[in-house]
Each structure stands twice: as structure tokens, then as C-alpha cells.
């Protein structure tokens, strides 16, 4: 009985469910095969060309990454009219509450892309989506697919691959660096979730979502992945180091929240800085 319970416990825990050994050959082969499959798709080359075209396109300018925490509703989005903005995931759920529209939208989580595909398939807003999302999204001129690697690095040039870093915010930071932005601000990045559980585990939501700016974000039995706060914060530290070494900056302009990796200033101060 004890042995059975241990096995079932491992199945429920994504970390313990992994193989106990580390085989570099196996991981390397999987990484190469994953990249090769995408290279054989015609959209791979089209997206790489688009990414190369926007390399350093906004050199020296400012950008704001609009995250999806509840605190986003406290931010004055009217201040964003004249600055480049990265919207994340289901930012479109904000559109019926605000006139704000992001300059582009970034999404890499497969559940998010599948659930939000009705919007992604009709919007004219530029999209940066994980290449696996092509199963749900029809290629169009405003869509750029990005390939995700398992290598724990920060891609300063994103045309080949990026690392997701356990949060789409980290992906947006890499894209912002790629595009040349010198100063980047975060808003709505609460870095705190009411719902607790095993990081990265797929769970079924309840009737209402207390973790995002819209109560219907993940609700009514939809599936979502529990956040990995520890790994996300590690990624934020990596992003901060890279930006600092390059003479660039990331600021936290979130109203409240628990992210203290980046210096805090108000959104108005950031835009005037």
C-alpha cells in the first residue's frame, strides 16, 4: 500500500514524475528534433524573417509590458497612448473595460493560446505566439511564431529561439531587448497568486478567477497551469542582469504586488524619465 501511494504521489507531482537520471544525449536529441521539426515548417522561415526585421527597430526607446494581474485595473492606461506596449496572453478581456489597445500581444502557454484562439484568429493586432500554437492559429501577416528552447538563457536576439522562463513576462522582456528598447516598465505584475498548489501542474478552475484582472480569465472549469513563482523570479533576476550589463533598465510600475526584483517607480515617472 505504501509503495502504491508513493507511485501515485509521484504522478501527481510533476517534479517527481521526471526521470531520476540526467541523460545529456537524450535531452540534446530532443532539443535538436524539436528545433528541426519547426525548421521544416514554412512558417518557421517567415517568422524568422519578421523577427530579424524588427531587430533593434526601437533602439533607445521605452516600452511597457502590460501584465495580467488584478492590480492592472489600478493602472492609468490612458498614459500609454504614446508608448510601445506588450500585452500578454488574454489582455483582450480588458478591451470591453478600456479603450487601451496594446502595440502587440505575446502568448506562449498552450492552454492560453488554445482558449484564446477565437480572438487571435481575427485580431489585427501583431501577435507573437509560441510555434506550437500553430495547431490552433491560422498564419497571417500580423502573426510571428517564436520557437521555445529548454536552455535556461536570456535570448538577446530572438529570431532563432527563446526561453520561456516559466512566465510569458520573461518572453516579453526578451522580445523587448531584441527590438532595442532601452527602458522597459512592468505594470500589473503582481507576482502573487491566491490559488496555491504544485507549480506548473494543470488544474481545473472554479467559477471565478481571483488571480487575474478579469474574473473570467480562467473560470468555469477551464484548465490552466499553476504558476511557478520561484522559477519566475529566477528568470526576472536573469533579465535584470542582462539589461544592466547592456546599459538598459527594467522598472516595476505595478500598483502594489509582491515583485521586488526591479526598482519601483510610478508609471507617470517612468514615462517622463
Protein backbone atom coordinates (compact mmCIF):
# COMPACT_ATOMS: atom_id res chain seq x y z
CA UNK A 1 0.00 0.00 0.00
CA UNK A 2 2.87 2.35 0.85
CA UNK A 3 4.57 1.63 -2.47
CA UNK A 4 1.33 2.34 -4.40
CA UNK A 5 0.83 5.61 -2.53
CA UNK A 6 4.38 6.67 -3.35
CA UNK A 7 3.87 5.95 -7.04
CA UNK A 8 0.61 7.88 -7.13
CA UNK A 9 2.28 10.77 -5.28
CA UNK A 10 4.97 10.90 -7.96
CA UNK A 11 2.34 11.01 -10.69
CA UNK A 12 0.64 13.98 -9.03
CA UNK A 13 3.96 15.82 -8.63
CA UNK A 14 5.45 16.94 -11.98
CA UNK A 15 8.94 17.18 -10.46
CA UNK A 16 8.95 13.65 -9.07
CA UNK A 17 7.38 12.29 -12.25
CA UNK A 18 10.53 13.22 -14.19
CA UNK A 19 13.16 10.57 -14.81
CA UNK A 20 15.59 10.23 -11.86
CA UNK A 21 18.66 10.31 -14.13
CA UNK A 22 20.00 13.12 -16.32
CA UNK A 23 20.91 11.94 -19.80
CA UNK A 24 22.58 14.74 -21.83
CA UNK A 25 22.30 12.73 -25.05
CA UNK A 26 18.56 12.30 -24.60
CA UNK A 27 17.93 15.98 -23.86
CA UNK A 28 20.21 17.13 -26.68
CA UNK A 29 18.48 14.83 -29.18
CA UNK A 30 15.06 16.04 -28.06
CA UNK A 31 16.16 19.67 -28.36
CA UNK A 32 17.55 19.18 -31.86
CA UNK A 33 14.49 17.24 -33.02
CA UNK A 34 12.15 19.89 -31.63
CA UNK A 35 14.01 22.64 -33.48
CA UNK A 36 14.33 20.59 -36.69
CA UNK A 37 10.59 19.89 -36.84
CA UNK A 38 9.89 23.60 -36.70
CA UNK A 39 12.55 24.40 -39.31
CA UNK A 40 10.79 22.08 -41.73
CA UNK A 41 7.62 24.18 -41.45
CA UNK A 42 7.43 27.07 -43.96
CA UNK A 43 6.12 29.41 -41.25
CA UNK A 44 9.40 28.98 -39.39
CA UNK A 45 11.34 30.86 -42.03
CA UNK A 46 8.67 33.52 -42.47
CA UNK A 47 8.64 34.21 -38.74
CA UNK A 48 12.44 34.31 -38.50
CA UNK A 49 12.46 36.90 -41.28
CA UNK A 50 9.89 39.02 -39.41
CA UNK A 51 11.92 38.81 -36.21
CA UNK A 52 15.11 39.86 -37.98
CA UNK A 53 13.28 42.82 -39.48
CA UNK A 54 12.31 44.14 -36.04
CA UNK A 55 15.79 43.66 -34.53
CA UNK A 56 16.76 46.95 -32.85
CA UNK A 57 13.85 48.64 -34.61
CA UNK A 58 13.09 50.68 -31.47
CA UNK A 59 16.66 51.24 -30.33
CA UNK A 60 16.91 53.52 -27.30
CA UNK A 61 13.15 53.88 -26.81
CA UNK A 62 10.80 52.94 -23.94
CA UNK A 63 8.27 50.12 -23.72
CA UNK A 64 5.71 48.93 -21.19
CA UNK A 65 4.86 45.27 -20.58
CA UNK A 66 1.20 45.05 -19.59
CA UNK A 67 0.83 42.02 -17.33
CA UNK A 68 -2.45 40.44 -16.29
CA UNK A 69 -2.61 40.66 -12.50
CA UNK A 70 -5.61 42.17 -10.66
CA UNK A 71 -3.58 45.33 -9.99
CA UNK A 72 -3.70 46.16 -13.69
CA UNK A 73 -7.12 47.71 -13.07
CA UNK A 74 -5.42 50.27 -10.80
CA UNK A 75 -3.04 51.48 -13.53
CA UNK A 76 -3.85 54.57 -15.56
CA UNK A 77 -3.82 53.05 -19.03
CA UNK A 78 -4.55 56.40 -20.64
CA UNK A 79 -0.87 57.21 -20.07
CA UNK A 80 0.12 54.53 -22.59
CA UNK A 81 -1.16 56.23 -25.73
CA UNK A 82 2.30 57.29 -26.93
CA UNK A 83 4.48 54.37 -25.82
CA UNK A 84 5.03 50.90 -27.26
CA UNK A 85 3.21 48.25 -25.22
CA UNK A 86 3.44 44.48 -24.99
CA UNK A 87 0.08 43.00 -23.99
CA UNK A 88 0.18 39.48 -22.58
CA UNK A 89 -1.98 36.40 -23.02
CA UNK A 90 -5.68 37.29 -22.64
CA UNK A 91 -5.22 41.05 -22.46
CA UNK A 92 -8.14 41.30 -24.89
CA UNK A 93 -10.50 40.60 -21.96
CA UNK A 94 -9.72 44.16 -20.92
CA UNK A 95 -10.97 45.67 -24.16
CA UNK A 96 -14.62 45.95 -23.07
CA UNK A 97 -13.47 47.89 -19.97
CA UNK A 98 -10.94 50.20 -21.56
CA UNK A 99 -10.03 51.94 -24.81
CA UNK A 100 -6.44 50.74 -24.36
CA UNK A 101 -5.04 48.53 -27.12
CA UNK A 102 -1.50 47.11 -26.95
CA UNK A 103 1.05 47.55 -29.73
CA UNK A 104 1.41 43.76 -29.81
CA UNK A 105 0.39 40.69 -27.80
CA UNK A 106 2.67 37.88 -26.58
CA UNK A 107 1.45 34.39 -25.61
CA UNK A 108 3.37 31.13 -25.25
CA UNK A 109 1.30 28.94 -22.92
CA UNK A 110 -0.50 26.23 -24.96
CA UNK A 111 -3.69 26.36 -22.88
CA UNK A 112 -3.89 30.14 -23.21
CA UNK A 113 -3.35 30.03 -26.97
CA UNK A 114 -5.99 27.34 -27.44
CA UNK A 115 -8.56 29.05 -25.21
CA UNK A 116 -7.94 32.49 -26.72
CA UNK A 117 -7.70 31.27 -30.33
CA UNK A 118 -11.08 32.77 -31.38
CA UNK A 119 -9.64 36.23 -30.68
CA UNK A 120 -6.15 35.51 -32.01
CA UNK A 121 -7.62 34.24 -35.28
CA UNK A 122 -9.43 37.50 -36.06
CA UNK A 123 -7.46 40.34 -34.44
CA UNK A 124 -5.29 42.67 -36.49
CA UNK A 125 -3.01 43.41 -33.52
CA UNK A 126 0.50 42.00 -34.11
CA UNK A 127 0.90 38.68 -32.27
CA UNK A 128 3.99 36.86 -31.03
CA UNK A 129 2.92 33.27 -30.32
CA UNK A 130 4.72 30.08 -29.44
CA UNK A 131 5.17 27.99 -32.58
CA UNK A 132 3.19 25.09 -31.08
CA UNK A 133 0.18 27.37 -31.22
CA UNK A 134 0.07 26.93 -34.97
CA UNK A 135 -2.24 23.97 -34.26
CA UNK A 136 -4.91 26.49 -33.27
CA UNK A 137 -3.92 29.68 -35.09
CA UNK A 138 -4.06 30.26 -38.83
CA UNK A 139 -0.89 32.02 -40.08
CA UNK A 140 -1.39 35.64 -41.14
CA UNK A 141 0.83 38.61 -41.82
CA UNK A 142 0.36 40.02 -38.31
CA UNK A 143 1.41 36.76 -36.61
CA UNK A 144 5.01 35.89 -35.72
CA UNK A 145 5.67 32.44 -34.30
CA UNK A 146 8.55 32.11 -31.84
CA UNK A 147 10.36 28.87 -31.03
CA UNK A 148 10.92 27.94 -27.39
CA UNK A 149 14.09 26.20 -26.22
CA UNK A 150 14.68 24.39 -22.94
CA UNK A 151 18.05 26.14 -22.49
CA UNK A 152 17.92 28.35 -19.43
CA UNK A 153 19.21 31.52 -21.07
CA UNK A 154 18.10 35.03 -22.00
CA UNK A 155 17.84 35.50 -25.76
CA UNK A 156 19.07 38.96 -26.68
CA UNK A 157 18.32 38.07 -30.31
CA UNK A 158 15.06 36.12 -30.62
CA UNK A 159 14.92 35.14 -34.28
CA UNK A 160 16.09 31.58 -33.60
CA UNK A 161 14.76 30.55 -30.17
CA UNK A 162 13.79 31.97 -26.78
CA UNK A 163 13.50 30.53 -23.28
CA UNK A 164 10.09 30.85 -21.65
CA UNK A 165 11.43 31.19 -18.12
CA UNK A 166 8.16 29.92 -16.57
CA UNK A 167 6.38 33.19 -17.35
CA UNK A 168 5.29 34.97 -20.51
CA UNK A 169 6.58 38.20 -18.95
CA UNK A 170 10.14 36.88 -19.37
CA UNK A 171 9.41 36.20 -23.04
CA UNK A 172 8.21 39.78 -23.49
CA UNK A 173 11.40 41.03 -21.83
CA UNK A 174 13.48 39.11 -24.39
CA UNK A 175 11.43 40.46 -27.29
CA UNK A 176 11.76 44.00 -25.90
CA UNK A 177 15.55 43.59 -25.72
CA UNK A 178 15.58 42.15 -29.25
CA UNK A 179 13.68 45.18 -30.54
CA UNK A 180 16.19 47.52 -28.93
CA UNK A 181 14.15 49.10 -26.13
CA UNK A 182 16.45 50.69 -23.56
CA UNK A 183 13.96 51.18 -20.73
CA UNK A 184 11.14 48.73 -20.01
CA UNK A 185 8.41 49.02 -17.38
CA UNK A 186 6.08 46.41 -15.92
CA UNK A 187 2.50 47.10 -14.86
CA UNK A 188 0.01 44.60 -13.50
CA UNK A 189 2.82 42.23 -12.49
CA UNK A 190 1.54 41.19 -9.06
CA UNK A 191 3.89 38.19 -8.78
CA UNK A 192 1.38 36.67 -6.37
CA UNK A 193 -1.43 34.16 -6.86
CA UNK A 194 -4.28 33.42 -4.48
CA UNK A 195 -4.56 29.88 -5.81
CA UNK A 196 -1.83 27.64 -4.38
CA UNK A 197 -0.56 24.21 -5.38
CA UNK A 198 2.21 22.32 -7.14
CA UNK A 199 3.95 24.67 -9.59
CA UNK A 200 3.24 24.02 -13.28
CA UNK A 201 0.54 21.46 -12.52
CA UNK A 202 -2.51 21.52 -14.80
CA UNK A 203 -5.64 22.23 -12.76
CA UNK A 204 -9.29 22.98 -13.43
CA UNK A 205 -10.55 26.43 -12.49
CA UNK A 206 -13.58 27.27 -10.39
CA UNK A 207 -16.41 29.61 -11.30
CA UNK A 208 -14.32 32.75 -10.80
CA UNK A 209 -10.65 33.69 -11.20
CA UNK A 210 -9.13 35.74 -8.32
CA UNK A 211 -5.64 35.77 -9.87
CA UNK A 212 -6.14 38.00 -12.92
CA UNK A 213 -7.71 41.34 -13.86
CA UNK A 214 -10.83 39.61 -15.19
CA UNK A 215 -12.82 37.14 -13.07
CA UNK A 216 -13.48 35.07 -16.22
CA UNK A 217 -9.80 34.83 -17.20
CA UNK A 218 -9.52 31.19 -16.09
CA UNK A 219 -13.02 30.26 -14.92
CA UNK A 220 -15.97 27.92 -15.32
CA UNK A 221 -13.89 24.75 -15.39
CA UNK A 222 -11.19 25.86 -17.83
CA UNK A 223 -7.74 24.31 -17.50
CA UNK A 224 -4.66 26.32 -16.54
CA UNK A 225 -1.15 25.77 -15.22
CA UNK A 226 -0.38 26.75 -11.64
CA UNK A 227 2.34 29.43 -11.54
CA UNK A 228 5.95 28.76 -10.59
CA UNK A 229 6.78 31.86 -8.56
CA UNK A 230 10.28 30.67 -7.62
CA UNK A 231 11.35 29.92 -11.20
CA UNK A 232 9.68 33.08 -12.50
CA UNK A 233 11.63 35.19 -10.03
CA UNK A 234 14.86 33.47 -11.05
CA UNK A 235 14.08 34.45 -14.64
CA UNK A 236 13.43 38.04 -13.60
CA UNK A 237 16.84 38.20 -11.91
CA UNK A 238 18.44 36.89 -15.11
CA UNK A 239 16.62 39.53 -17.18
CA UNK A 240 17.68 42.28 -14.79
CA UNK A 241 21.34 41.19 -15.02
CA UNK A 242 21.30 41.12 -18.84
CA UNK A 243 19.60 44.51 -19.12
CA UNK A 244 22.00 46.05 -16.61
CA UNK A 245 25.11 44.69 -18.35
CA UNK A 246 23.82 46.15 -21.62
CA UNK A 247 23.22 49.56 -20.07
CA UNK A 248 19.45 49.11 -20.13
CA UNK A 249 16.84 49.12 -17.36
CA UNK A 250 13.66 47.38 -16.24
CA UNK A 251 11.34 49.13 -13.78
CA UNK A 252 8.37 47.86 -11.82
CA UNK A 253 5.49 50.32 -12.16
CA UNK A 254 2.89 47.90 -10.77
CA UNK A 255 0.42 49.31 -8.26
CA UNK A 256 1.26 47.04 -5.32
CA UNK A 257 2.06 43.39 -5.87
CA UNK A 258 4.99 41.39 -4.47
CA UNK A 259 7.67 41.71 -7.15
CA UNK A 260 10.72 43.45 -5.69
CA UNK A 261 13.41 42.40 -8.18
CA UNK A 262 13.24 45.63 -10.16
CA UNK A 263 13.32 49.21 -8.86
CA UNK A 264 9.84 50.65 -8.31
CA UNK A 265 8.70 53.93 -9.77
CA UNK A 266 5.29 55.20 -10.83
CA UNK A 267 4.16 54.73 -14.42
CA UNK A 268 3.96 58.51 -14.88
CA UNK A 269 7.53 58.91 -13.59
CA UNK A 270 8.77 56.19 -15.95
CA UNK A 271 7.19 57.86 -18.97
CA UNK A 272 8.64 61.24 -18.00
CA UNK A 273 12.07 59.83 -17.02
